[in-house]
Amino acid sequence: MSLIAVCFGEVLWDVFPTHKKIGGAPLNVALRLNSFGIDTYMASKVGRDKNGQIILDHVSNNGVHINLVQQDSQYKTGEVSVILDTSGNATYDIKAPVAWDHIEFDSDLEDQTAASDVFIFGSLVCRNQASKRTLLKALSLAKFKVFDVNLRAPHYDHDVLLELMKQADFIKFNDEEIVEICDCNNLKYNSLETQIKVISGFTNTHKICVTLGSKGAILFFNEAFYYNKGIQVKVADTVGAGDSFLASLIYQLLSGHQPQKALDFACVVGALVASKEGANPVIQEEEINNHLQ
């Protein structure tokens, strides 16, 4: 039986100095999950405008279900100004308010969330109370909840983050995010492993992953640690690399692969995305296998 996923949150346009591309972390995850054959639904909202229609057409044409993407006559489709430094690292100016700040809880979202194997969400969608309320209702129905912390200053609140972590079955941080969250909760420890274990106990979450940029990632999975030291590639830009990493890791774990194999696979896919322009480049199976050998 095919796995079913719901990805909840922002869909938007990443606007670069010379061009723009469709993005949003949950949508990037959804598109990558779908590329692996997982039956994937995107839950969000766009404006009733040209930018929104282009997103709907693009997502549908790439095989992700759009019946949970609502349309708004009052608010425009989201946009983010993206600035890349000389190393390809991105900073973001996220416009507000926009359509995805106002996702509504309806019967379609309720039914699909309850029927899905995994529900993936981030913190950014909680910057507005309307979408936050909808998310919390959906989380009460989800079977397996994956929280991509994905901090985007100033659009988050530490009390809300703690609430979301306690509801999650799986949490993904980057190395800077886990340090910030530990500091704000007075959980200061020297080693990354200790930080992960303390957060696991603090939130009762037994599956935690921390990405380390070019140095790979560490996975804490049911009381055991797994490591990958990173895949060396020439970086084009880092936009979406972490999203594809998460999608790949969840795909592998839900498909029954061992944690180490899942982590290695995810690190390869994330690195390959970083080696190409944009958040959702096509990745060939042969490219992945070449790095796994």
C-alpha atoms as a PDB file:
ATOM      1  CA  MET A   1       0.000   0.000   0.000  1.00  0.00           C
ATOM      2  CA  SER A   2       1.279   3.464  -0.941  1.00  0.00           C
ATOM      3  CA  LEU A   3       2.335   5.844   1.815  1.00  0.00           C
ATOM      4  CA  ILE A   4       0.342   9.079   2.156  1.00  0.00           C
ATOM      5  CA  ALA A   5       1.761  12.407   3.349  1.00  0.00           C
ATOM      6  CA  VAL A   6       0.324  15.833   4.132  1.00  0.00           C
ATOM      7  CA  CYS A   7       2.704  18.813   4.123  1.00  0.00           C
ATOM      8  CA  PHE A   8       1.261  21.859   5.889  1.00  0.00           C
ATOM      9  CA  GLY A   9       2.380  25.468   5.623  1.00  0.00           C
ATOM     10  CA  GLU A  10       3.698  28.133   3.305  1.00  0.00           C
ATOM     11  CA  VAL A  11       3.696  28.066  -0.488  1.00  0.00           C
ATOM     12  CA  LEU A  12       5.299  31.095  -2.102  1.00  0.00           C
ATOM     13  CA  TRP A  13       7.656  32.609  -4.623  1.00  0.00           C
ATOM     14  CA  ASP A  14      11.370  32.828  -3.809  1.00  0.00           C
ATOM     15  CA  VAL A  15      12.367  36.098  -5.507  1.00  0.00           C
ATOM     16  CA  PHE A  16      16.080  36.269  -6.349  1.00  0.00           C
ATOM     17  CA  PRO A  17      17.832  39.379  -7.744  1.00  0.00           C
ATOM     18  CA  THR A  18      17.586  38.085 -11.318  1.00  0.00           C
ATOM     19  CA  HIS A  19      14.681  35.612 -11.291  1.00  0.00           C
ATOM     20  CA  LYS A  20      12.034  33.942  -9.126  1.00  0.00           C
ATOM     21  CA  LYS A  21      11.167  30.343  -8.323  1.00  0.00           C
ATOM     22  CA  ILE A  22       8.291  28.562  -6.598  1.00  0.00           C
ATOM     23  CA  GLY A  23       9.148  27.519  -3.046  1.00  0.00           C
ATOM     24  CA  GLY A  24       8.247  27.380   0.616  1.00  0.00           C
ATOM     25  CA  ALA A  25       9.798  24.742   2.869  1.00  0.00           C
ATOM     26  CA  PRO A  26       6.690  22.504   3.213  1.00  0.00           C
ATOM     27  CA  LEU A  27       6.125  22.639  -0.538  1.00  0.00           C
ATOM     28  CA  ASN A  28       9.762  21.751  -1.200  1.00  0.00           C
ATOM     29  CA  VAL A  29       9.328  18.743   1.090  1.00  0.00           C
ATOM     30  CA  ALA A  30       6.086  17.779  -0.652  1.00  0.00           C
ATOM     31  CA  LEU A  31       7.604  17.900  -4.128  1.00  0.00           C
ATOM     32  CA  ARG A  32      10.582  15.787  -3.069  1.00  0.00           C
ATOM     33  CA  LEU A  33       8.374  13.234  -1.282  1.00  0.00           C
ATOM     34  CA  ASN A  34       6.248  12.940  -4.388  1.00  0.00           C
ATOM     35  CA  SER A  35       9.347  12.364  -6.525  1.00  0.00           C
ATOM     36  CA  PHE A  36       9.969   9.232  -4.420  1.00  0.00           C
ATOM     37  CA  GLY A  37       6.471   7.899  -5.072  1.00  0.00           C
ATOM     38  CA  ILE A  38       4.767   8.969  -1.833  1.00  0.00           C
ATOM     39  CA  ASP A  39       1.162  10.085  -2.385  1.00  0.00           C
ATOM     40  CA  THR A  40       1.532  13.681  -1.222  1.00  0.00           C
ATOM     41  CA  TYR A  41      -0.958  16.449  -0.391  1.00  0.00           C
ATOM     42  CA  MET A  42      -0.013  20.108   0.053  1.00  0.00           C
ATOM     43  CA  ALA A  43      -2.130  22.023   2.601  1.00  0.00           C
ATOM     44  CA  SER A  44      -1.803  25.798   2.267  1.00  0.00           C
ATOM     45  CA  LYS A  45      -3.426  28.906   0.804  1.00  0.00           C
ATOM     46  CA  VAL A  46      -2.636  31.136  -2.192  1.00  0.00           C
ATOM     47  CA  GLY A  47      -4.191  34.345  -3.433  1.00  0.00           C
ATOM     48  CA  ARG A  48      -6.674  34.495  -6.255  1.00  0.00           C
ATOM     49  CA  ASP A  49      -3.988  35.996  -8.451  1.00  0.00           C
ATOM     50  CA  LYS A  50      -1.642  35.054 -11.263  1.00  0.00           C
ATOM     51  CA  ASN A  51       1.157  34.024  -8.905  1.00  0.00           C
ATOM     52  CA  GLY A  52      -1.210  31.728  -7.029  1.00  0.00           C
ATOM     53  CA  GLN A  53      -2.544  30.081 -10.160  1.00  0.00           C
ATOM     54  CA  ILE A  54       0.952  29.420 -11.467  1.00  0.00           C
ATOM     55  CA  ILE A  55       1.805  27.705  -8.163  1.00  0.00           C
ATOM     56  CA  LEU A  56      -1.340  25.580  -8.298  1.00  0.00           C
ATOM     57  CA  ASP A  57      -0.591  24.526 -11.870  1.00  0.00           C
ATOM     58  CA  HIS A  58       3.058  23.776 -11.084  1.00  0.00           C
ATOM     59  CA  VAL A  59       2.307  21.712  -7.990  1.00  0.00           C
ATOM     60  CA  SER A  60      -0.454  19.759  -9.723  1.00  0.00           C
ATOM     61  CA  ASN A  61       1.673  19.162 -12.819  1.00  0.00           C
ATOM     62  CA  ASN A  62       4.375  17.705 -10.562  1.00  0.00           C
ATOM     63  CA  GLY A  63       1.959  15.179  -9.094  1.00  0.00           C
ATOM     64  CA  VAL A  64       1.248  16.707  -5.668  1.00  0.00           C
ATOM     65  CA  HIS A  65      -2.447  16.945  -4.763  1.00  0.00           C
ATOM     66  CA  ILE A  66      -3.712  20.543  -4.530  1.00  0.00           C
ATOM     67  CA  ASN A  67      -7.253  20.033  -3.204  1.00  0.00           C
ATOM     68  CA  LEU A  68      -6.018  21.184   0.239  1.00  0.00           C
ATOM     69  CA  VAL A  69      -4.537  24.409  -1.173  1.00  0.00           C
ATOM     70  CA  GLN A  70      -7.154  27.061  -0.475  1.00  0.00           C
ATOM     71  CA  GLN A  71      -7.575  30.349  -2.367  1.00  0.00           C
ATOM     72  CA  ASP A  72      -7.975  33.786  -0.802  1.00  0.00           C
ATOM     73  CA  SER A  73      -9.594  36.839  -2.381  1.00  0.00           C
ATOM     74  CA  GLN A  74      -8.263  39.264   0.252  1.00  0.00           C
ATOM     75  CA  TYR A  75      -4.592  38.304   0.644  1.00  0.00           C
ATOM     76  CA  LYS A  76      -1.989  37.868  -2.086  1.00  0.00           C
ATOM     77  CA  THR A  77       0.152  34.816  -2.766  1.00  0.00           C
ATOM     78  CA  GLY A  78       3.283  34.825  -0.615  1.00  0.00           C
ATOM     79  CA  GLU A  79       6.664  36.143  -1.744  1.00  0.00           C
ATOM     80  CA  VAL A  80      10.127  35.994  -0.175  1.00  0.00           C
ATOM     81  CA  SER A  81      13.102  38.098  -1.220  1.00  0.00           C
ATOM     82  CA  VAL A  82      16.186  35.837  -1.261  1.00  0.00           C
ATOM     83  CA  ILE A  83      19.732  37.173  -1.038  1.00  0.00           C
ATOM     84  CA  LEU A  84      22.661  34.808  -1.620  1.00  0.00           C
ATOM     85  CA  ASP A  85      26.154  35.462  -0.267  1.00  0.00           C
ATOM     86  CA  THR A  86      29.357  34.491  -2.062  1.00  0.00           C
ATOM     87  CA  SER A  87      29.142  30.960  -0.606  1.00  0.00           C
ATOM     88  CA  GLY A  88      25.596  30.388  -1.843  1.00  0.00           C
ATOM     89  CA  ASN A  89      24.043  30.739   1.622  1.00  0.00           C
ATOM     90  CA  ALA A  90      20.653  32.447   1.672  1.00  0.00           C
ATOM     91  CA  THR A  91      18.979  35.120   3.779  1.00  0.00           C
ATOM     92  CA  TYR A  92      15.246  35.809   3.494  1.00  0.00           C
ATOM     93  CA  ASP A  93      12.808  38.727   3.705  1.00  0.00           C
ATOM     94  CA  ILE A  94       9.405  37.069   4.138  1.00  0.00           C
ATOM     95  CA  LYS A  95       6.482  39.312   3.189  1.00  0.00           C
ATOM     96  CA  ALA A  96       3.421  39.583   5.461  1.00  0.00           C
ATOM     97  CA  PRO A  97       0.486  39.330   5.634  1.00  0.00           C
ATOM     98  CA  VAL A  98      -0.140  36.920   2.760  1.00  0.00           C
ATOM     99  CA  ALA A  99      -2.584  34.160   1.897  1.00  0.00           C
ATOM    100  CA  TRP A 100      -0.806  31.282   3.700  1.00  0.00           C
ATOM    101  CA  ASP A 101      -1.118  33.206   6.977  1.00  0.00           C
ATOM    102  CA  HIS A 102      -4.840  32.455   6.826  1.00  0.00           C
ATOM    103  CA  ILE A 103      -5.195  28.706   6.227  1.00  0.00           C
ATOM    104  CA  GLU A 104      -8.606  27.509   7.411  1.00  0.00           C
ATOM    105  CA  PHE A 105      -9.504  24.209   9.055  1.00  0.00           C
ATOM    106  CA  ASP A 106     -12.124  22.494   6.920  1.00  0.00           C
ATOM    107  CA  SER A 107     -13.508  19.001   6.385  1.00  0.00           C
ATOM    108  CA  ASP A 108     -11.100  18.237   3.525  1.00  0.00           C
ATOM    109  CA  LEU A 109      -8.051  18.984   5.686  1.00  0.00           C
ATOM    110  CA  GLU A 110      -9.578  17.116   8.609  1.00  0.00           C
ATOM    111  CA  ASP A 111     -10.287  13.971   6.605  1.00  0.00           C
ATOM    112  CA  GLN A 112      -6.970  13.873   4.745  1.00  0.00           C
ATOM    113  CA  THR A 113      -4.884  14.508   7.847  1.00  0.00           C
ATOM    114  CA  ALA A 114      -6.580  11.642   9.658  1.00  0.00           C
ATOM    115  CA  ALA A 115      -6.063   9.338   6.658  1.00  0.00           C
ATOM    116  CA  SER A 116      -2.369  10.108   6.128  1.00  0.00           C
ATOM    117  CA  ASP A 117       0.684   8.211   7.353  1.00  0.00           C
ATOM    118  CA  VAL A 118       2.743  11.329   8.048  1.00  0.00           C
ATOM    119  CA  PHE A 119       2.012  15.024   8.639  1.00  0.00           C
ATOM    120  CA  ILE A 120       4.956  17.419   8.084  1.00  0.00           C
ATOM    121  CA  PHE A 121       4.935  21.022   9.292  1.00  0.00           C
ATOM    122  CA  GLY A 122       7.245  23.909  10.206  1.00  0.00           C
ATOM    123  CA  SER A 123       7.305  26.865  12.569  1.00  0.00           C
ATOM    124  CA  LEU A 124       6.863  29.738  10.103  1.00  0.00           C
ATOM    125  CA  VAL A 125       3.168  29.069   9.516  1.00  0.00           C
ATOM    126  CA  CYS A 126       2.506  29.857  13.199  1.00  0.00           C
ATOM    127  CA  ARG A 127       3.429  33.536  12.807  1.00  0.00           C
ATOM    128  CA  ASN A 128      -0.298  34.241  12.334  1.00  0.00           C
ATOM    129  CA  GLN A 129      -2.935  33.028  14.792  1.00  0.00           C
ATOM    130  CA  ALA A 130      -5.327  31.894  12.043  1.00  0.00           C
ATOM    131  CA  SER A 131      -2.958  29.363  10.486  1.00  0.00           C
ATOM    132  CA  LYS A 132      -1.600  28.418  13.910  1.00  0.00           C
ATOM    133  CA  ARG A 133      -5.086  27.458  15.138  1.00  0.00           C
ATOM    134  CA  THR A 134      -5.599  25.362  12.013  1.00  0.00           C
ATOM    135  CA  LEU A 135      -2.270  23.609  12.490  1.00  0.00           C
ATOM    136  CA  LEU A 136      -3.014  22.698  16.107  1.00  0.00           C
ATOM    137  CA  LYS A 137      -6.363  21.198  15.115  1.00  0.00           C
ATOM    138  CA  ALA A 138      -4.687  19.147  12.388  1.00  0.00           C
ATOM    139  CA  LEU A 139      -1.957  17.929  14.748  1.00  0.00           C
ATOM    140  CA  SER A 140      -4.605  16.491  17.053  1.00  0.00           C
ATOM    141  CA  LEU A 141      -5.603  14.146  14.202  1.00  0.00           C
ATOM    142  CA  ALA A 142      -2.238  13.238  12.677  1.00  0.00           C
ATOM    143  CA  LYS A 143      -0.749   9.752  13.120  1.00  0.00           C
ATOM    144  CA  PHE A 144       2.959  10.646  12.787  1.00  0.00           C
ATOM    145  CA  LYS A 145       3.952  14.298  13.168  1.00  0.00           C
ATOM    146  CA  VAL A 146       7.241  15.611  11.738  1.00  0.00           C
ATOM    147  CA  PHE A 147       8.320  19.089  12.895  1.00  0.00           C
ATOM    148  CA  ASP A 148      10.862  20.907  10.729  1.00  0.00           C
ATOM    149  CA  VAL A 149      11.861  23.700  13.131  1.00  0.00           C
ATOM    150  CA  ASN A 150      13.172  25.940  10.296  1.00  0.00           C
ATOM    151  CA  LEU A 151      13.552  29.205  12.247  1.00  0.00           C
ATOM    152  CA  ARG A 152      13.089  32.398  10.243  1.00  0.00           C
ATOM    153  CA  ALA A 153      13.637  35.474  12.433  1.00  0.00           C
ATOM    154  CA  PRO A 154      11.605  37.340  13.550  1.00  0.00           C
ATOM    155  CA  HIS A 155       8.702  35.035  12.691  1.00  0.00           C
ATOM    156  CA  TYR A 156       8.699  32.709  15.696  1.00  0.00           C
ATOM    157  CA  ASP A 157       8.031  32.526  19.417  1.00  0.00           C
ATOM    158  CA  HIS A 158       9.920  30.188  21.756  1.00  0.00           C
ATOM    159  CA  ASP A 159       6.839  29.201  23.746  1.00  0.00           C
ATOM    160  CA  VAL A 160       5.117  28.180  20.515  1.00  0.00           C
ATOM    161  CA  LEU A 161       8.204  26.244  19.417  1.00  0.00           C
ATOM    162  CA  LEU A 162       8.200  24.299  22.674  1.00  0.00           C
ATOM    163  CA  GLU A 163       4.500  23.533  22.266  1.00  0.00           C
ATOM    164  CA  LEU A 164       5.106  22.214  18.745  1.00  0.00           C
ATOM    165  CA  MET A 165       8.129  20.139  19.788  1.00  0.00           C
ATOM    166  CA  LYS A 166       6.094  18.440  22.505  1.00  0.00           C
ATOM    167  CA  GLN A 167       3.453  17.489  19.943  1.00  0.00           C
ATOM    168  CA  ALA A 168       5.925  16.113  17.403  1.00  0.00           C
ATOM    169  CA  ASP A 169       6.984  12.487  16.904  1.00  0.00           C
ATOM    170  CA  PHE A 170      10.070  13.571  14.906  1.00  0.00           C
ATOM    171  CA  ILE A 171      11.974  16.880  15.119  1.00  0.00           C
ATOM    172  CA  LYS A 172      14.517  18.220  12.619  1.00  0.00           C
ATOM    173  CA  PHE A 173      16.874  21.081  13.562  1.00  0.00           C
ATOM    174  CA  ASN A 174      19.965  22.568  12.021  1.00  0.00           C
ATOM    175  CA  ASP A 175      22.997  23.033  14.258  1.00  0.00           C
ATOM    176  CA  GLU A 176      22.270  26.707  14.982  1.00  0.00           C
ATOM    177  CA  GLU A 177      18.607  26.099  15.783  1.00  0.00           C
ATOM    178  CA  ILE A 178      19.211  23.439  18.402  1.00  0.00           C
ATOM    179  CA  VAL A 179      21.732  25.683  20.193  1.00  0.00           C
ATOM    180  CA  GLU A 180      19.289  28.607  20.229  1.00  0.00           C
ATOM    181  CA  ILE A 181      16.447  26.475  21.538  1.00  0.00           C
ATOM    182  CA  CYS A 182      18.604  24.895  24.227  1.00  0.00           C
ATOM    183  CA  ASP A 183      19.818  28.323  25.342  1.00  0.00           C
ATOM    184  CA  CYS A 184      16.308  29.756  25.536  1.00  0.00           C
ATOM    185  CA  ASN A 185      15.116  26.806  27.632  1.00  0.00           C
ATOM    186  CA  ASN A 186      18.176  26.872  29.919  1.00  0.00           C
ATOM    187  CA  LEU A 187      19.360  23.516  28.536  1.00  0.00           C
ATOM    188  CA  LYS A 188      23.038  24.357  28.051  1.00  0.00           C
ATOM    189  CA  TYR A 189      25.293  21.350  27.456  1.00  0.00           C
ATOM    190  CA  ASN A 190      28.653  21.001  25.747  1.00  0.00           C
ATOM    191  CA  SER A 191      28.040  18.143  23.314  1.00  0.00           C
ATOM    192  CA  LEU A 192      25.468  17.977  20.550  1.00  0.00           C
ATOM    193  CA  GLU A 193      24.560  14.443  21.616  1.00  0.00           C
ATOM    194  CA  THR A 194      23.752  15.642  25.137  1.00  0.00           C
ATOM    195  CA  GLN A 195      21.647  18.495  23.773  1.00  0.00           C
ATOM    196  CA  ILE A 196      19.688  16.046  21.635  1.00  0.00           C
ATOM    197  CA  LYS A 197      19.123  13.638  24.519  1.00  0.00           C
ATOM    198  CA  VAL A 198      17.978  16.410  26.835  1.00  0.00           C
ATOM    199  CA  ILE A 199      15.528  17.755  24.236  1.00  0.00           C
ATOM    200  CA  SER A 200      14.297  14.221  23.661  1.00  0.00           C
ATOM    201  CA  GLY A 201      13.555  13.833  27.346  1.00  0.00           C
ATOM    202  CA  PHE A 202      12.202  17.368  27.693  1.00  0.00           C
ATOM    203  CA  THR A 203       9.723  16.945  24.823  1.00  0.00           C
ATOM    204  CA  ASN A 204       9.194  13.171  24.942  1.00  0.00           C
ATOM    205  CA  THR A 205      10.304  12.956  21.301  1.00  0.00           C
ATOM    206  CA  HIS A 206      12.470   9.928  20.498  1.00  0.00           C
ATOM    207  CA  LYS A 207      13.361  10.718  16.889  1.00  0.00           C
ATOM    208  CA  ILE A 208      15.493  13.833  16.369  1.00  0.00           C
ATOM    209  CA  CYS A 209      17.782  14.862  13.518  1.00  0.00           C
ATOM    210  CA  VAL A 210      20.264  17.745  13.402  1.00  0.00           C
ATOM    211  CA  THR A 211      21.779  18.840  10.098  1.00  0.00           C
ATOM    212  CA  LEU A 212      25.348  20.156  10.134  1.00  0.00           C
ATOM    213  CA  GLY A 213      25.660  21.831   6.715  1.00  0.00           C
ATOM    214  CA  SER A 214      28.626  20.535   4.756  1.00  0.00           C
ATOM    215  CA  LYS A 215      29.591  18.379   7.761  1.00  0.00           C
ATOM    216  CA  GLY A 216      26.586  16.085   7.332  1.00  0.00           C
ATOM    217  CA  ALA A 217      24.015  15.235  10.002  1.00  0.00           C
ATOM    218  CA  ILE A 218      23.345  13.335  13.196  1.00  0.00           C
ATOM    219  CA  LEU A 219      20.233  11.228  13.772  1.00  0.00           C
ATOM    220  CA  PHE A 220      18.902  10.167  17.169  1.00  0.00           C
ATOM    221  CA  PHE A 221      16.480   7.328  16.568  1.00  0.00           C
ATOM    222  CA  ASN A 222      14.961   5.329  19.420  1.00  0.00           C
ATOM    223  CA  GLU A 223      17.886   5.885  21.836  1.00  0.00           C
ATOM    224  CA  ALA A 224      20.674   5.274  19.275  1.00  0.00           C
ATOM    225  CA  PHE A 225      22.862   7.774  17.390  1.00  0.00           C
ATOM    226  CA  TYR A 226      23.707   7.615  13.689  1.00  0.00           C
ATOM    227  CA  TYR A 227      26.194   9.848  11.853  1.00  0.00           C
ATOM    228  CA  ASN A 228      27.052  11.034   8.345  1.00  0.00           C
ATOM    229  CA  LYS A 229      30.090  13.283   7.820  1.00  0.00           C
ATOM    230  CA  GLY A 230      28.706  14.996   4.726  1.00  0.00           C
ATOM    231  CA  ILE A 231      28.953  14.764   0.954  1.00  0.00           C
ATOM    232  CA  GLN A 232      31.370  17.183  -0.718  1.00  0.00           C
ATOM    233  CA  VAL A 233      29.900  19.048  -3.686  1.00  0.00           C
ATOM    234  CA  LYS A 234      30.370  22.429  -5.337  1.00  0.00           C
ATOM    235  CA  VAL A 235      27.500  24.493  -3.921  1.00  0.00           C
ATOM    236  CA  ALA A 236      25.285  26.432  -6.343  1.00  0.00           C
ATOM    237  CA  ASP A 237      22.897  27.569  -3.602  1.00  0.00           C
ATOM    238  CA  THR A 238      21.572  26.080  -0.375  1.00  0.00           C
ATOM    239  CA  VAL A 239      17.903  26.966  -0.943  1.00  0.00           C
ATOM    240  CA  GLY A 240      15.780  23.871  -0.358  1.00  0.00           C
ATOM    241  CA  ALA A 241      18.653  21.521   0.451  1.00  0.00           C
ATOM    242  CA  GLY A 242      17.457  20.958   4.002  1.00  0.00           C
ATOM    243  CA  ASP A 243      13.904  20.394   2.782  1.00  0.00           C
ATOM    244  CA  SER A 244      14.986  17.692   0.357  1.00  0.00           C
ATOM    245  CA  PHE A 245      17.155  16.176   3.091  1.00  0.00           C
ATOM    246  CA  LEU A 246      14.134  15.912   5.396  1.00  0.00           C
ATOM    247  CA  ALA A 247      11.867  14.511   2.676  1.00  0.00           C
ATOM    248  CA  SER A 248      14.485  11.898   1.776  1.00  0.00           C
ATOM    249  CA  LEU A 249      15.041  10.891   5.395  1.00  0.00           C
ATOM    250  CA  ILE A 250      11.326  10.512   6.136  1.00  0.00           C
ATOM    251  CA  TYR A 251      10.784   8.613   2.889  1.00  0.00           C
ATOM    252  CA  GLN A 252      13.523   6.151   3.756  1.00  0.00           C
ATOM    253  CA  LEU A 253      12.444   5.659   7.373  1.00  0.00           C
ATOM    254  CA  LEU A 254       8.764   5.211   6.513  1.00  0.00           C
ATOM    255  CA  SER A 255       9.759   2.736   3.797  1.00  0.00           C
ATOM    256  CA  GLY A 256      11.409   0.548   6.427  1.00  0.00           C
ATOM    257  CA  HIS A 257      15.077   1.275   5.785  1.00  0.00           C
ATOM    258  CA  GLN A 258      17.558   1.151   8.641  1.00  0.00           C
ATOM    259  CA  PRO A 259      18.362   4.562  10.210  1.00  0.00           C
ATOM    260  CA  GLN A 260      21.977   4.633   8.999  1.00  0.00           C
ATOM    261  CA  LYS A 261      20.995   3.872   5.417  1.00  0.00           C
ATOM    262  CA  ALA A 262      18.208   6.451   5.607  1.00  0.00           C
ATOM    263  CA  LEU A 263      20.582   9.117   6.919  1.00  0.00           C
ATOM    264  CA  ASP A 264      23.213   8.410   4.251  1.00  0.00           C
ATOM    265  CA  PHE A 265      20.599   8.571   1.504  1.00  0.00           C
ATOM    266  CA  ALA A 266      19.213  11.878   2.828  1.00  0.00           C
ATOM    267  CA  CYS A 267      22.664  13.464   3.049  1.00  0.00           C
ATOM    268  CA  VAL A 268      23.366  12.568  -0.576  1.00  0.00           C
ATOM    269  CA  VAL A 269      20.082  14.035  -1.808  1.00  0.00           C
ATOM    270  CA  GLY A 270      20.526  17.224   0.229  1.00  0.00           C
ATOM    271  CA  ALA A 271      24.041  17.700  -1.135  1.00  0.00           C
ATOM    272  CA  LEU A 272      22.904  17.124  -4.717  1.00  0.00           C
ATOM    273  CA  VAL A 273      20.173  19.750  -4.315  1.00  0.00           C
ATOM    274  CA  ALA A 274      22.762  22.229  -2.988  1.00  0.00           C
ATOM    275  CA  SER A 275      24.905  21.544  -6.047  1.00  0.00           C
ATOM    276  CA  LYS A 276      22.107  22.711  -8.365  1.00  0.00           C
ATOM    277  CA  GLU A 277      20.229  25.989  -8.717  1.00  0.00           C
ATOM    278  CA  GLY A 278      16.905  26.395  -6.926  1.00  0.00           C
ATOM    279  CA  ALA A 279      14.990  24.496  -4.288  1.00  0.00           C
ATOM    280  CA  ASN A 280      13.569  21.636  -6.365  1.00  0.00           C
ATOM    281  CA  PRO A 281      16.005  20.482  -9.044  1.00  0.00           C
ATOM    282  CA  VAL A 282      15.532  17.102 -10.655  1.00  0.00           C
ATOM    283  CA  ILE A 283      17.735  14.472  -9.003  1.00  0.00           C
ATOM    284  CA  GLN A 284      18.392  11.274 -10.936  1.00  0.00           C
ATOM    285  CA  GLU A 285      18.532   7.913  -9.157  1.00  0.00           C
ATOM    286  CA  GLU A 286      21.902   7.291 -10.812  1.00  0.00           C
ATOM    287  CA  GLU A 287      23.319  10.452  -9.216  1.00  0.00           C
ATOM    288  CA  ILE A 288      22.238   9.266  -5.776  1.00  0.00           C
ATOM    289  CA  ASN A 289      23.625   5.772  -6.281  1.00  0.00           C
ATOM    290  CA  ASN A 290      26.984   7.113  -7.463  1.00  0.00           C
ATOM    291  CA  HIS A 291      27.479   8.848  -4.118  1.00  0.00           C
ATOM    292  CA  LEU A 292      26.224   5.907  -2.065  1.00  0.00           C
ATOM    293  CA  GLN A 293      28.708   3.436  -3.532  1.00  0.00           C
END
